[in-house]
Amino acid sequence: MKKVLDRKIKFIWDFRGDNSASLAKHFQKHLEEFVIIEELKYDLSGVMHITTNHSMVYLVVAEFEMEEIREILNPHRGEYYDGP
């Protein structure tokens, strides 16, 4: 079992509407810049297109970074991440 502070958190932002795909891709670029500037532990982010009118962007962070990043970036939701 992982130590509590070793867990990864997946922050998620939802975009809806006709231009949700392009907005999500654009937002991901800003997240990638944020990761570099803030020197976050992980550089894992991505875009998922749910439907033609719903896309989401995610950013994986270390649990010890979670509170500070949540206050700065205001994600819509979050979940534990078990990926690589």
Protein backbone atom coordinates (compact mmCIF):
# COMPACT_ATOMS: atom_id res chain seq x y z
CA MET A 1 0.00 0.00 0.00
CA LYS A 2 1.28 3.46 -0.92
CA LYS A 3 2.00 6.01 1.75
CA VAL A 4 -0.68 8.68 1.88
CA LEU A 5 1.54 11.46 0.54
CA ASP A 6 2.84 9.26 -2.29
CA ARG A 7 -0.58 9.07 -3.94
CA LYS A 8 -1.35 10.89 -7.16
CA ILE A 9 -4.37 13.14 -7.65
CA LYS A 10 -6.01 13.72 -11.02
CA PHE A 11 -7.56 17.20 -11.28
CA ILE A 12 -10.22 17.55 -13.96
CA TRP A 13 -11.71 20.53 -15.81
CA ASP A 14 -14.79 20.11 -18.01
CA PHE A 15 -15.49 22.13 -21.14
CA ARG A 16 -18.89 22.07 -22.81
CA GLY A 17 -20.26 23.54 -26.01
CA ASP A 18 -19.47 23.67 -29.70
CA ASN A 19 -15.84 24.70 -29.15
CA SER A 20 -15.16 22.45 -26.13
CA ALA A 21 -12.42 20.50 -27.95
CA SER A 22 -10.39 23.57 -28.93
CA LEU A 23 -10.86 25.17 -25.50
CA ALA A 24 -9.67 22.00 -23.78
CA LYS A 25 -6.55 21.77 -25.96
CA HIS A 26 -5.77 25.41 -25.31
CA PHE A 27 -6.24 25.01 -21.55
CA GLN A 28 -3.92 21.99 -21.56
CA LYS A 29 -1.14 24.15 -23.02
CA HIS A 30 -1.52 26.51 -20.07
CA LEU A 31 -1.41 23.59 -17.64
CA GLU A 32 1.81 22.33 -19.26
CA GLU A 33 3.34 25.79 -18.82
CA PHE A 34 2.19 25.83 -15.19
CA VAL A 35 3.88 22.47 -14.53
CA ILE A 36 7.20 23.82 -15.81
CA ILE A 37 7.01 27.16 -14.00
CA GLU A 38 5.96 25.62 -10.67
CA GLU A 39 8.35 22.64 -11.05
CA LEU A 40 5.68 20.11 -10.16
CA LYS A 41 6.63 16.52 -9.45
CA TYR A 42 4.70 15.09 -12.40
CA ASP A 43 4.18 16.42 -15.92
CA LEU A 44 1.20 14.27 -16.79
CA SER A 45 -1.76 15.99 -18.42
CA GLY A 46 -4.14 15.26 -21.23
CA VAL A 47 -7.37 15.96 -23.05
CA MET A 48 -10.29 13.56 -23.39
CA HIS A 49 -13.17 14.19 -25.80
CA ILE A 50 -16.29 12.71 -24.25
CA THR A 51 -18.78 13.87 -26.92
CA THR A 52 -18.72 16.52 -29.65
CA ASN A 53 -19.89 19.02 -27.04
CA HIS A 54 -17.97 17.84 -23.97
CA SER A 55 -14.22 17.64 -23.50
CA MET A 56 -12.18 17.43 -20.34
CA VAL A 57 -8.62 18.25 -19.40
CA TYR A 58 -6.73 16.58 -16.57
CA LEU A 59 -3.55 17.22 -14.63
CA VAL A 60 -1.95 14.66 -12.34
CA VAL A 61 -0.25 16.05 -9.24
CA ALA A 62 1.40 14.61 -6.17
CA GLU A 63 -0.86 14.56 -3.12
CA PHE A 64 1.50 16.82 -1.16
CA GLU A 65 1.04 19.48 -3.91
CA MET A 66 -2.74 19.08 -4.05
CA GLU A 67 -4.00 21.83 -1.72
CA GLU A 68 -1.83 24.60 -3.14
CA ILE A 69 -2.56 23.70 -6.75
CA ARG A 70 -6.28 23.33 -6.06
CA GLU A 71 -6.38 26.87 -4.65
CA ILE A 72 -4.50 28.29 -7.64
CA LEU A 73 -6.16 26.41 -10.52
CA ASN A 74 -9.68 25.70 -9.19
CA PRO A 75 -10.33 22.33 -10.85
CA HIS A 76 -13.92 21.23 -11.29
CA ARG A 77 -13.28 17.88 -9.63
CA GLY A 78 -10.57 15.43 -8.66
CA GLU A 79 -9.94 11.76 -8.08
CA TYR A 80 -7.14 9.45 -7.09
CA TYR A 81 -4.96 8.40 -10.01
CA ASP A 82 -3.51 4.89 -10.24
CA GLY A 83 -1.76 5.19 -13.61
CA PRO A 84 1.99 5.35 -14.26
